[in-house]
Amino acid sequence: MKVLMFVTAFLFSYICVSATETKIVIRAKARDAKFIGSSLGGAYVIIRNKTNQQILAEGKTTGSTGNTDLIMKTPKTRESSIVDGQTAGFLAAIDINEPTFVSIEVVSPFNSKQAQAKVSTELWLIPGKDILGDGIILEIPGFIIDILKPRTHQYLSLNSIKDKPFQFQANVVMMCGCVIEKGGVWNAEEFEVKGMLKKDGKYIRDVKMSFISTNLFEGDTQINVGGNYELTLYAYDKKTGNTGVDKVNYVIYE
């Protein structure tokens, strides 16, 4: 029994001593845009041992969205980098004593639940062989959309809106929080933003949304009948395939 305990202790000690710290940096990059960092609340990263699903490291990306010229305008070659010292990432230091197959999962944007996407990849980590520099970059597709008007489950009297333009308003940004504006790097004129209006569960019409100012889109229609209304608002970029959706329900009472 004492021999067994000694052997077990020796093996445990050997494993602990022989484990080597291995660093890996994970970055989340918005499709057709920049990196997701502190200004948006970060992207959440989980690194697991693929064999037993043990979590080896987890945390949020921090740092800046990166250099716009470097990411969006500079021609890329095989060995060129798109990050600088301030670019957002999550640095993990993992102790392993043998090559370990891991899964990496990123949920982003962490603080915008209606726009969250989960992406993942898998790779081998080799003891002492760090993966730094650009690191592992996972791409997050989509737009973040927040409907500002009307408010969720807002009650409005029919008399107050009848025969008047009923306004819809939404904030639309890239998945990194990068701004959308007329003629900008992310050009509002290239995105389709539209609302789909339902009354009591039945589609009634589309609502065209027009760019007003940075990130802000507005549209209107007339509502002359009471009921339970639902607006599904989407953004679409034909060039990249980026899409985003938000929904709001509100009530018009007579």
C-alpha atoms as a PDB file:
ATOM      1  CA  MET A   1       0.000   0.000   0.000  1.00  0.00           C
ATOM      2  CA  LYS A   2       2.850   2.371   0.913  1.00  0.00           C
ATOM      3  CA  VAL A   3       4.599   1.484  -2.344  1.00  0.00           C
ATOM      4  CA  LEU A   4       1.462   2.285  -4.328  1.00  0.00           C
ATOM      5  CA  MET A   5       1.080   5.623  -2.570  1.00  0.00           C
ATOM      6  CA  PHE A   6       4.730   6.425  -3.242  1.00  0.00           C
ATOM      7  CA  VAL A   7       4.414   5.576  -6.944  1.00  0.00           C
ATOM      8  CA  THR A   8       1.222   7.648  -7.255  1.00  0.00           C
ATOM      9  CA  ALA A   9       2.816  10.630  -5.544  1.00  0.00           C
ATOM     10  CA  PHE A  10       5.911  10.279  -7.725  1.00  0.00           C
ATOM     11  CA  LEU A  11       3.880  10.149 -10.917  1.00  0.00           C
ATOM     12  CA  PHE A  12       1.779  13.167  -9.859  1.00  0.00           C
ATOM     13  CA  SER A  13       4.940  15.088  -8.991  1.00  0.00           C
ATOM     14  CA  TYR A  14       6.536  14.119 -12.303  1.00  0.00           C
ATOM     15  CA  ILE A  15       3.493  15.230 -14.298  1.00  0.00           C
ATOM     16  CA  CYS A  16       3.345  18.587 -12.484  1.00  0.00           C
ATOM     17  CA  VAL A  17       7.060  19.203 -12.894  1.00  0.00           C
ATOM     18  CA  SER A  18       7.153  18.209 -16.546  1.00  0.00           C
ATOM     19  CA  ALA A  19       4.141  20.328 -17.547  1.00  0.00           C
ATOM     20  CA  THR A  20       5.209  23.219 -19.766  1.00  0.00           C
ATOM     21  CA  GLU A  21       3.521  26.595 -19.979  1.00  0.00           C
ATOM     22  CA  THR A  22       2.227  27.161 -23.493  1.00  0.00           C
ATOM     23  CA  LYS A  23       0.842  30.521 -24.555  1.00  0.00           C
ATOM     24  CA  ILE A  24      -1.838  31.100 -27.157  1.00  0.00           C
ATOM     25  CA  VAL A  25      -3.635  34.284 -28.127  1.00  0.00           C
ATOM     26  CA  ILE A  26      -7.204  34.143 -29.422  1.00  0.00           C
ATOM     27  CA  ARG A  27      -8.772  37.034 -31.329  1.00  0.00           C
ATOM     28  CA  ALA A  28     -12.339  37.628 -32.534  1.00  0.00           C
ATOM     29  CA  LYS A  29     -12.644  39.640 -35.731  1.00  0.00           C
ATOM     30  CA  ALA A  30     -15.895  40.927 -37.200  1.00  0.00           C
ATOM     31  CA  ARG A  31     -16.456  39.869 -40.788  1.00  0.00           C
ATOM     32  CA  ASP A  32     -15.520  42.738 -43.134  1.00  0.00           C
ATOM     33  CA  ALA A  33     -14.485  44.806 -40.129  1.00  0.00           C
ATOM     34  CA  LYS A  34     -12.136  44.996 -37.156  1.00  0.00           C
ATOM     35  CA  PHE A  35     -11.451  43.183 -33.898  1.00  0.00           C
ATOM     36  CA  ILE A  36     -13.848  42.823 -30.969  1.00  0.00           C
ATOM     37  CA  GLY A  37     -12.403  44.285 -27.802  1.00  0.00           C
ATOM     38  CA  SER A  38     -12.970  46.330 -24.683  1.00  0.00           C
ATOM     39  CA  SER A  39     -15.126  49.051 -26.275  1.00  0.00           C
ATOM     40  CA  LEU A  40     -17.854  46.482 -27.026  1.00  0.00           C
ATOM     41  CA  GLY A  41     -17.460  44.441 -23.850  1.00  0.00           C
ATOM     42  CA  GLY A  42     -15.249  41.823 -25.488  1.00  0.00           C
ATOM     43  CA  ALA A  43     -15.781  38.372 -26.931  1.00  0.00           C
ATOM     44  CA  TYR A  44     -15.889  35.388 -24.554  1.00  0.00           C
ATOM     45  CA  VAL A  45     -13.314  32.671 -25.192  1.00  0.00           C
ATOM     46  CA  ILE A  46     -13.327  29.088 -23.873  1.00  0.00           C
ATOM     47  CA  ILE A  47     -10.441  26.679 -24.556  1.00  0.00           C
ATOM     48  CA  ARG A  48     -11.190  23.020 -23.798  1.00  0.00           C
ATOM     49  CA  ASN A  49      -9.284  19.770 -23.879  1.00  0.00           C
ATOM     50  CA  LYS A  50     -11.061  18.018 -26.732  1.00  0.00           C
ATOM     51  CA  THR A  51     -10.673  14.573 -25.141  1.00  0.00           C
ATOM     52  CA  ASN A  52     -12.396  15.183 -21.819  1.00  0.00           C
ATOM     53  CA  GLN A  53     -13.937  18.670 -22.348  1.00  0.00           C
ATOM     54  CA  GLN A  54     -11.931  20.066 -19.420  1.00  0.00           C
ATOM     55  CA  ILE A  55     -11.764  23.862 -19.562  1.00  0.00           C
ATOM     56  CA  LEU A  56      -8.102  24.832 -19.829  1.00  0.00           C
ATOM     57  CA  ALA A  57      -8.638  28.606 -20.030  1.00  0.00           C
ATOM     58  CA  GLU A  58     -11.471  31.095 -20.413  1.00  0.00           C
ATOM     59  CA  GLY A  59     -11.941  34.845 -20.449  1.00  0.00           C
ATOM     60  CA  LYS A  60     -12.780  37.865 -22.548  1.00  0.00           C
ATOM     61  CA  THR A  61     -10.844  39.600 -25.278  1.00  0.00           C
ATOM     62  CA  THR A  62      -9.547  43.016 -24.279  1.00  0.00           C
ATOM     63  CA  GLY A  63      -7.824  45.806 -26.147  1.00  0.00           C
ATOM     64  CA  SER A  64      -8.592  48.029 -29.114  1.00  0.00           C
ATOM     65  CA  THR A  65     -10.447  47.229 -32.328  1.00  0.00           C
ATOM     66  CA  GLY A  66      -7.144  47.593 -34.157  1.00  0.00           C
ATOM     67  CA  ASN A  67      -5.665  49.802 -36.849  1.00  0.00           C
ATOM     68  CA  THR A  68      -8.238  50.545 -39.560  1.00  0.00           C
ATOM     69  CA  ASP A  69      -5.666  51.166 -42.311  1.00  0.00           C
ATOM     70  CA  LEU A  70      -3.740  47.996 -41.453  1.00  0.00           C
ATOM     71  CA  ILE A  71      -6.838  45.794 -41.304  1.00  0.00           C
ATOM     72  CA  MET A  72      -9.050  47.263 -44.023  1.00  0.00           C
ATOM     73  CA  LYS A  73      -6.802  49.059 -46.507  1.00  0.00           C
ATOM     74  CA  THR A  74      -3.292  47.541 -46.545  1.00  0.00           C
ATOM     75  CA  PRO A  75      -2.718  44.789 -49.158  1.00  0.00           C
ATOM     76  CA  LYS A  76      -2.082  41.425 -47.471  1.00  0.00           C
ATOM     77  CA  THR A  77       0.782  39.017 -48.153  1.00  0.00           C
ATOM     78  CA  ARG A  78       1.395  35.565 -46.707  1.00  0.00           C
ATOM     79  CA  GLU A  79       3.484  36.749 -43.775  1.00  0.00           C
ATOM     80  CA  SER A  80       1.891  40.150 -43.174  1.00  0.00           C
ATOM     81  CA  SER A  81       0.202  40.853 -39.847  1.00  0.00           C
ATOM     82  CA  ILE A  82      -3.085  42.661 -39.265  1.00  0.00           C
ATOM     83  CA  VAL A  83      -2.555  43.320 -35.547  1.00  0.00           C
ATOM     84  CA  ASP A  84      -0.504  45.751 -33.493  1.00  0.00           C
ATOM     85  CA  GLY A  85       0.390  45.886 -29.823  1.00  0.00           C
ATOM     86  CA  GLN A  86      -3.009  47.268 -28.797  1.00  0.00           C
ATOM     87  CA  THR A  87      -5.228  44.945 -30.866  1.00  0.00           C
ATOM     88  CA  ALA A  88      -7.793  43.055 -28.788  1.00  0.00           C
ATOM     89  CA  GLY A  89      -7.170  39.451 -27.881  1.00  0.00           C
ATOM     90  CA  PHE A  90      -7.319  36.875 -25.102  1.00  0.00           C
ATOM     91  CA  LEU A  91      -3.940  35.521 -23.988  1.00  0.00           C
ATOM     92  CA  ALA A  92      -4.045  32.092 -22.370  1.00  0.00           C
ATOM     93  CA  ALA A  93      -1.127  30.367 -20.615  1.00  0.00           C
ATOM     94  CA  ILE A  94      -1.858  26.639 -20.480  1.00  0.00           C
ATOM     95  CA  ASP A  95       0.242  24.002 -18.704  1.00  0.00           C
ATOM     96  CA  ILE A  96       0.485  20.802 -20.750  1.00  0.00           C
ATOM     97  CA  ASN A  97       2.950  17.914 -20.712  1.00  0.00           C
ATOM     98  CA  GLU A  98       2.110  16.399 -24.085  1.00  0.00           C
ATOM     99  CA  PRO A  99       0.565  17.497 -27.389  1.00  0.00           C
ATOM    100  CA  THR A 100      -3.068  18.286 -26.598  1.00  0.00           C
ATOM    101  CA  PHE A 101      -5.945  18.608 -29.054  1.00  0.00           C
ATOM    102  CA  VAL A 102      -8.101  21.558 -28.003  1.00  0.00           C
ATOM    103  CA  SER A 103     -11.337  23.178 -29.061  1.00  0.00           C
ATOM    104  CA  ILE A 104     -11.619  26.968 -29.023  1.00  0.00           C
ATOM    105  CA  GLU A 105     -15.063  28.553 -28.756  1.00  0.00           C
ATOM    106  CA  VAL A 106     -15.777  32.253 -29.063  1.00  0.00           C
ATOM    107  CA  VAL A 107     -19.122  33.879 -28.215  1.00  0.00           C
ATOM    108  CA  SER A 108     -19.450  37.456 -29.417  1.00  0.00           C
ATOM    109  CA  PRO A 109     -20.470  40.177 -28.881  1.00  0.00           C
ATOM    110  CA  PHE A 110     -20.678  39.185 -25.216  1.00  0.00           C
ATOM    111  CA  ASN A 111     -22.866  42.120 -24.112  1.00  0.00           C
ATOM    112  CA  SER A 112     -25.296  42.138 -27.074  1.00  0.00           C
ATOM    113  CA  LYS A 113     -27.322  38.979 -26.554  1.00  0.00           C
ATOM    114  CA  GLN A 114     -29.663  39.428 -29.533  1.00  0.00           C
ATOM    115  CA  ALA A 115     -26.694  39.624 -31.904  1.00  0.00           C
ATOM    116  CA  GLN A 116     -24.502  36.905 -30.374  1.00  0.00           C
ATOM    117  CA  ALA A 117     -22.829  34.367 -32.623  1.00  0.00           C
ATOM    118  CA  LYS A 118     -20.746  31.364 -31.580  1.00  0.00           C
ATOM    119  CA  VAL A 119     -17.810  30.229 -33.688  1.00  0.00           C
ATOM    120  CA  SER A 120     -15.239  27.541 -32.961  1.00  0.00           C
ATOM    121  CA  THR A 121     -12.168  25.774 -34.227  1.00  0.00           C
ATOM    122  CA  GLU A 122      -9.870  22.937 -33.151  1.00  0.00           C
ATOM    123  CA  LEU A 123      -6.100  22.517 -33.162  1.00  0.00           C
ATOM    124  CA  TRP A 124      -3.132  20.840 -31.502  1.00  0.00           C
ATOM    125  CA  LEU A 125      -1.196  22.609 -28.766  1.00  0.00           C
ATOM    126  CA  ILE A 126       2.410  21.479 -28.416  1.00  0.00           C
ATOM    127  CA  PRO A 127       4.129  21.957 -25.032  1.00  0.00           C
ATOM    128  CA  GLY A 128       6.241  25.111 -25.032  1.00  0.00           C
ATOM    129  CA  LYS A 129       5.343  26.024 -28.626  1.00  0.00           C
ATOM    130  CA  ASP A 130       3.569  29.358 -28.249  1.00  0.00           C
ATOM    131  CA  ILE A 131       1.017  30.665 -30.766  1.00  0.00           C
ATOM    132  CA  LEU A 132       1.343  34.423 -30.566  1.00  0.00           C
ATOM    133  CA  GLY A 133       1.439  37.341 -33.028  1.00  0.00           C
ATOM    134  CA  ASP A 134      -1.852  37.329 -34.911  1.00  0.00           C
ATOM    135  CA  GLY A 135      -2.619  34.135 -32.989  1.00  0.00           C
ATOM    136  CA  ILE A 136      -5.826  32.274 -33.760  1.00  0.00           C
ATOM    137  CA  ILE A 137      -8.385  34.592 -35.374  1.00  0.00           C
ATOM    138  CA  LEU A 138     -12.024  33.556 -35.428  1.00  0.00           C
ATOM    139  CA  GLU A 139     -14.396  35.481 -37.677  1.00  0.00           C
ATOM    140  CA  ILE A 140     -17.744  36.691 -36.337  1.00  0.00           C
ATOM    141  CA  PRO A 141     -20.347  37.419 -39.046  1.00  0.00           C
ATOM    142  CA  GLY A 142     -23.271  39.814 -38.782  1.00  0.00           C
ATOM    143  CA  PHE A 143     -24.501  43.200 -37.600  1.00  0.00           C
ATOM    144  CA  ILE A 144     -25.561  44.395 -34.155  1.00  0.00           C
ATOM    145  CA  ILE A 145     -29.049  45.938 -34.357  1.00  0.00           C
ATOM    146  CA  ASP A 146     -30.922  47.662 -31.544  1.00  0.00           C
ATOM    147  CA  ILE A 147     -34.453  48.923 -32.236  1.00  0.00           C
ATOM    148  CA  LEU A 148     -34.830  52.264 -30.446  1.00  0.00           C
ATOM    149  CA  LYS A 149     -38.407  53.151 -31.477  1.00  0.00           C
ATOM    150  CA  PRO A 150     -40.907  51.885 -30.552  1.00  0.00           C
ATOM    151  CA  ARG A 151     -39.822  50.519 -27.188  1.00  0.00           C
ATOM    152  CA  THR A 152     -40.362  46.892 -26.241  1.00  0.00           C
ATOM    153  CA  HIS A 153     -44.018  46.263 -25.315  1.00  0.00           C
ATOM    154  CA  GLN A 154     -44.821  49.960 -25.500  1.00  0.00           C
ATOM    155  CA  TYR A 155     -48.551  50.799 -25.247  1.00  0.00           C
ATOM    156  CA  LEU A 156     -49.776  53.588 -27.537  1.00  0.00           C
ATOM    157  CA  SER A 157     -53.290  54.884 -28.021  1.00  0.00           C
ATOM    158  CA  LEU A 158     -54.669  54.770 -31.550  1.00  0.00           C
ATOM    159  CA  ASN A 159     -55.936  58.348 -31.231  1.00  0.00           C
ATOM    160  CA  SER A 160     -52.402  59.617 -30.615  1.00  0.00           C
ATOM    161  CA  ILE A 161     -50.963  58.104 -33.818  1.00  0.00           C
ATOM    162  CA  LYS A 162     -53.872  57.806 -36.260  1.00  0.00           C
ATOM    163  CA  ASP A 163     -53.322  59.498 -39.636  1.00  0.00           C
ATOM    164  CA  LYS A 164     -49.752  60.417 -38.636  1.00  0.00           C
ATOM    165  CA  PRO A 165     -46.399  58.898 -39.639  1.00  0.00           C
ATOM    166  CA  PHE A 166     -45.522  56.207 -37.101  1.00  0.00           C
ATOM    167  CA  GLN A 167     -41.746  56.277 -36.692  1.00  0.00           C
ATOM    168  CA  PHE A 168     -39.356  53.364 -36.398  1.00  0.00           C
ATOM    169  CA  GLN A 169     -35.731  53.917 -35.407  1.00  0.00           C
ATOM    170  CA  ALA A 170     -32.784  51.561 -35.067  1.00  0.00           C
ATOM    171  CA  ASN A 171     -29.076  51.639 -34.302  1.00  0.00           C
ATOM    172  CA  VAL A 172     -26.991  49.440 -36.623  1.00  0.00           C
ATOM    173  CA  VAL A 173     -23.254  48.763 -36.180  1.00  0.00           C
ATOM    174  CA  MET A 174     -20.696  46.228 -37.321  1.00  0.00           C
ATOM    175  CA  MET A 175     -19.996  43.287 -34.988  1.00  0.00           C
ATOM    176  CA  CYS A 176     -16.889  45.078 -33.690  1.00  0.00           C
ATOM    177  CA  GLY A 177     -18.859  48.249 -32.956  1.00  0.00           C
ATOM    178  CA  CYS A 178     -17.341  49.995 -35.981  1.00  0.00           C
ATOM    179  CA  VAL A 179     -19.453  52.868 -37.227  1.00  0.00           C
ATOM    180  CA  ILE A 180     -21.676  52.842 -40.294  1.00  0.00           C
ATOM    181  CA  GLU A 181     -21.927  56.164 -42.106  1.00  0.00           C
ATOM    182  CA  LYS A 182     -22.521  57.602 -45.547  1.00  0.00           C
ATOM    183  CA  GLY A 183     -19.421  57.222 -47.704  1.00  0.00           C
ATOM    184  CA  GLY A 184     -17.391  55.756 -44.827  1.00  0.00           C
ATOM    185  CA  VAL A 185     -15.299  52.598 -44.656  1.00  0.00           C
ATOM    186  CA  TRP A 186     -18.564  50.852 -43.816  1.00  0.00           C
ATOM    187  CA  ASN A 187     -20.809  52.713 -46.219  1.00  0.00           C
ATOM    188  CA  ALA A 188     -24.471  52.970 -45.166  1.00  0.00           C
ATOM    189  CA  GLU A 189     -25.501  53.246 -48.824  1.00  0.00           C
ATOM    190  CA  GLU A 190     -24.295  49.683 -49.464  1.00  0.00           C
ATOM    191  CA  PHE A 191     -26.455  48.096 -46.754  1.00  0.00           C
ATOM    192  CA  GLU A 192     -30.114  47.164 -47.025  1.00  0.00           C
ATOM    193  CA  VAL A 193     -32.014  47.949 -43.827  1.00  0.00           C
ATOM    194  CA  LYS A 194     -35.704  47.106 -43.766  1.00  0.00           C
ATOM    195  CA  GLY A 195     -38.511  46.326 -41.344  1.00  0.00           C
ATOM    196  CA  MET A 196     -41.182  43.626 -41.704  1.00  0.00           C
ATOM    197  CA  LEU A 197     -44.374  44.603 -39.889  1.00  0.00           C
ATOM    198  CA  LYS A 198     -46.954  42.176 -38.494  1.00  0.00           C
ATOM    199  CA  LYS A 199     -50.313  42.787 -36.821  1.00  0.00           C
ATOM    200  CA  ASP A 200     -51.773  40.049 -34.629  1.00  0.00           C
ATOM    201  CA  GLY A 201     -49.266  37.582 -36.088  1.00  0.00           C
ATOM    202  CA  LYS A 202     -49.981  38.359 -39.765  1.00  0.00           C
ATOM    203  CA  TYR A 203     -47.604  40.172 -42.111  1.00  0.00           C
ATOM    204  CA  ILE A 204     -48.993  43.478 -43.357  1.00  0.00           C
ATOM    205  CA  ARG A 205     -46.137  45.411 -45.028  1.00  0.00           C
ATOM    206  CA  ASP A 206     -42.450  46.219 -45.312  1.00  0.00           C
ATOM    207  CA  VAL A 207     -41.018  49.407 -43.867  1.00  0.00           C
ATOM    208  CA  LYS A 208     -38.048  50.963 -45.655  1.00  0.00           C
ATOM    209  CA  MET A 209     -35.379  52.276 -43.298  1.00  0.00           C
ATOM    210  CA  SER A 210     -33.167  55.163 -44.421  1.00  0.00           C
ATOM    211  CA  PHE A 211     -29.802  56.301 -43.089  1.00  0.00           C
ATOM    212  CA  ILE A 212     -30.112  59.446 -40.925  1.00  0.00           C
ATOM    213  CA  SER A 213     -26.770  59.832 -39.132  1.00  0.00           C
ATOM    214  CA  THR A 214     -23.917  57.689 -37.853  1.00  0.00           C
ATOM    215  CA  ASN A 215     -25.325  54.189 -37.181  1.00  0.00           C
ATOM    216  CA  LEU A 216     -28.899  55.534 -37.121  1.00  0.00           C
ATOM    217  CA  PHE A 217     -31.666  54.401 -39.490  1.00  0.00           C
ATOM    218  CA  GLU A 218     -35.278  55.561 -39.532  1.00  0.00           C
ATOM    219  CA  GLY A 219     -38.500  54.693 -41.322  1.00  0.00           C
ATOM    220  CA  ASP A 220     -42.214  55.270 -40.894  1.00  0.00           C
ATOM    221  CA  THR A 221     -45.639  54.032 -41.870  1.00  0.00           C
ATOM    222  CA  GLN A 222     -49.250  54.760 -40.963  1.00  0.00           C
ATOM    223  CA  ILE A 223     -51.067  52.636 -38.409  1.00  0.00           C
ATOM    224  CA  ASN A 224     -54.800  53.232 -38.239  1.00  0.00           C
ATOM    225  CA  VAL A 225     -55.994  50.028 -36.583  1.00  0.00           C
ATOM    226  CA  GLY A 226     -55.417  48.819 -33.039  1.00  0.00           C
ATOM    227  CA  GLY A 227     -53.796  45.484 -32.285  1.00  0.00           C
ATOM    228  CA  ASN A 228     -50.648  43.649 -31.244  1.00  0.00           C
ATOM    229  CA  TYR A 229     -47.795  44.659 -33.538  1.00  0.00           C
ATOM    230  CA  GLU A 230     -44.398  43.119 -34.182  1.00  0.00           C
ATOM    231  CA  LEU A 231     -41.531  44.646 -36.125  1.00  0.00           C
ATOM    232  CA  THR A 232     -38.701  42.443 -37.381  1.00  0.00           C
ATOM    233  CA  LEU A 233     -35.894  44.662 -38.569  1.00  0.00           C
ATOM    234  CA  TYR A 234     -32.935  43.366 -40.564  1.00  0.00           C
ATOM    235  CA  ALA A 235     -29.709  44.611 -42.129  1.00  0.00           C
ATOM    236  CA  TYR A 236     -28.099  42.886 -45.113  1.00  0.00           C
ATOM    237  CA  ASP A 237     -24.852  43.375 -47.015  1.00  0.00           C
ATOM    238  CA  LYS A 238     -24.959  41.623 -50.381  1.00  0.00           C
ATOM    239  CA  LYS A 239     -21.183  41.847 -50.856  1.00  0.00           C
ATOM    240  CA  THR A 240     -20.174  40.074 -47.660  1.00  0.00           C
ATOM    241  CA  GLY A 241     -23.303  38.171 -46.674  1.00  0.00           C
ATOM    242  CA  ASN A 242     -23.417  39.919 -43.308  1.00  0.00           C
ATOM    243  CA  THR A 243     -26.893  39.896 -41.754  1.00  0.00           C
ATOM    244  CA  GLY A 244     -28.414  41.077 -38.501  1.00  0.00           C
ATOM    245  CA  VAL A 245     -31.887  41.108 -36.950  1.00  0.00           C
ATOM    246  CA  ASP A 246     -33.725  42.630 -34.007  1.00  0.00           C
ATOM    247  CA  LYS A 247     -37.417  42.389 -33.076  1.00  0.00           C
ATOM    248  CA  VAL A 248     -39.795  44.477 -31.031  1.00  0.00           C
ATOM    249  CA  ASN A 249     -43.412  43.986 -29.966  1.00  0.00           C
ATOM    250  CA  TYR A 250     -45.732  46.869 -29.129  1.00  0.00           C
ATOM    251  CA  VAL A 251     -49.455  47.434 -28.628  1.00  0.00           C
ATOM    252  CA  ILE A 252     -51.813  49.945 -30.225  1.00  0.00           C
ATOM    253  CA  TYR A 253     -55.007  50.194 -28.174  1.00  0.00           C
ATOM    254  CA  GLU A 254     -58.311  51.883 -29.105  1.00  0.00           C
END
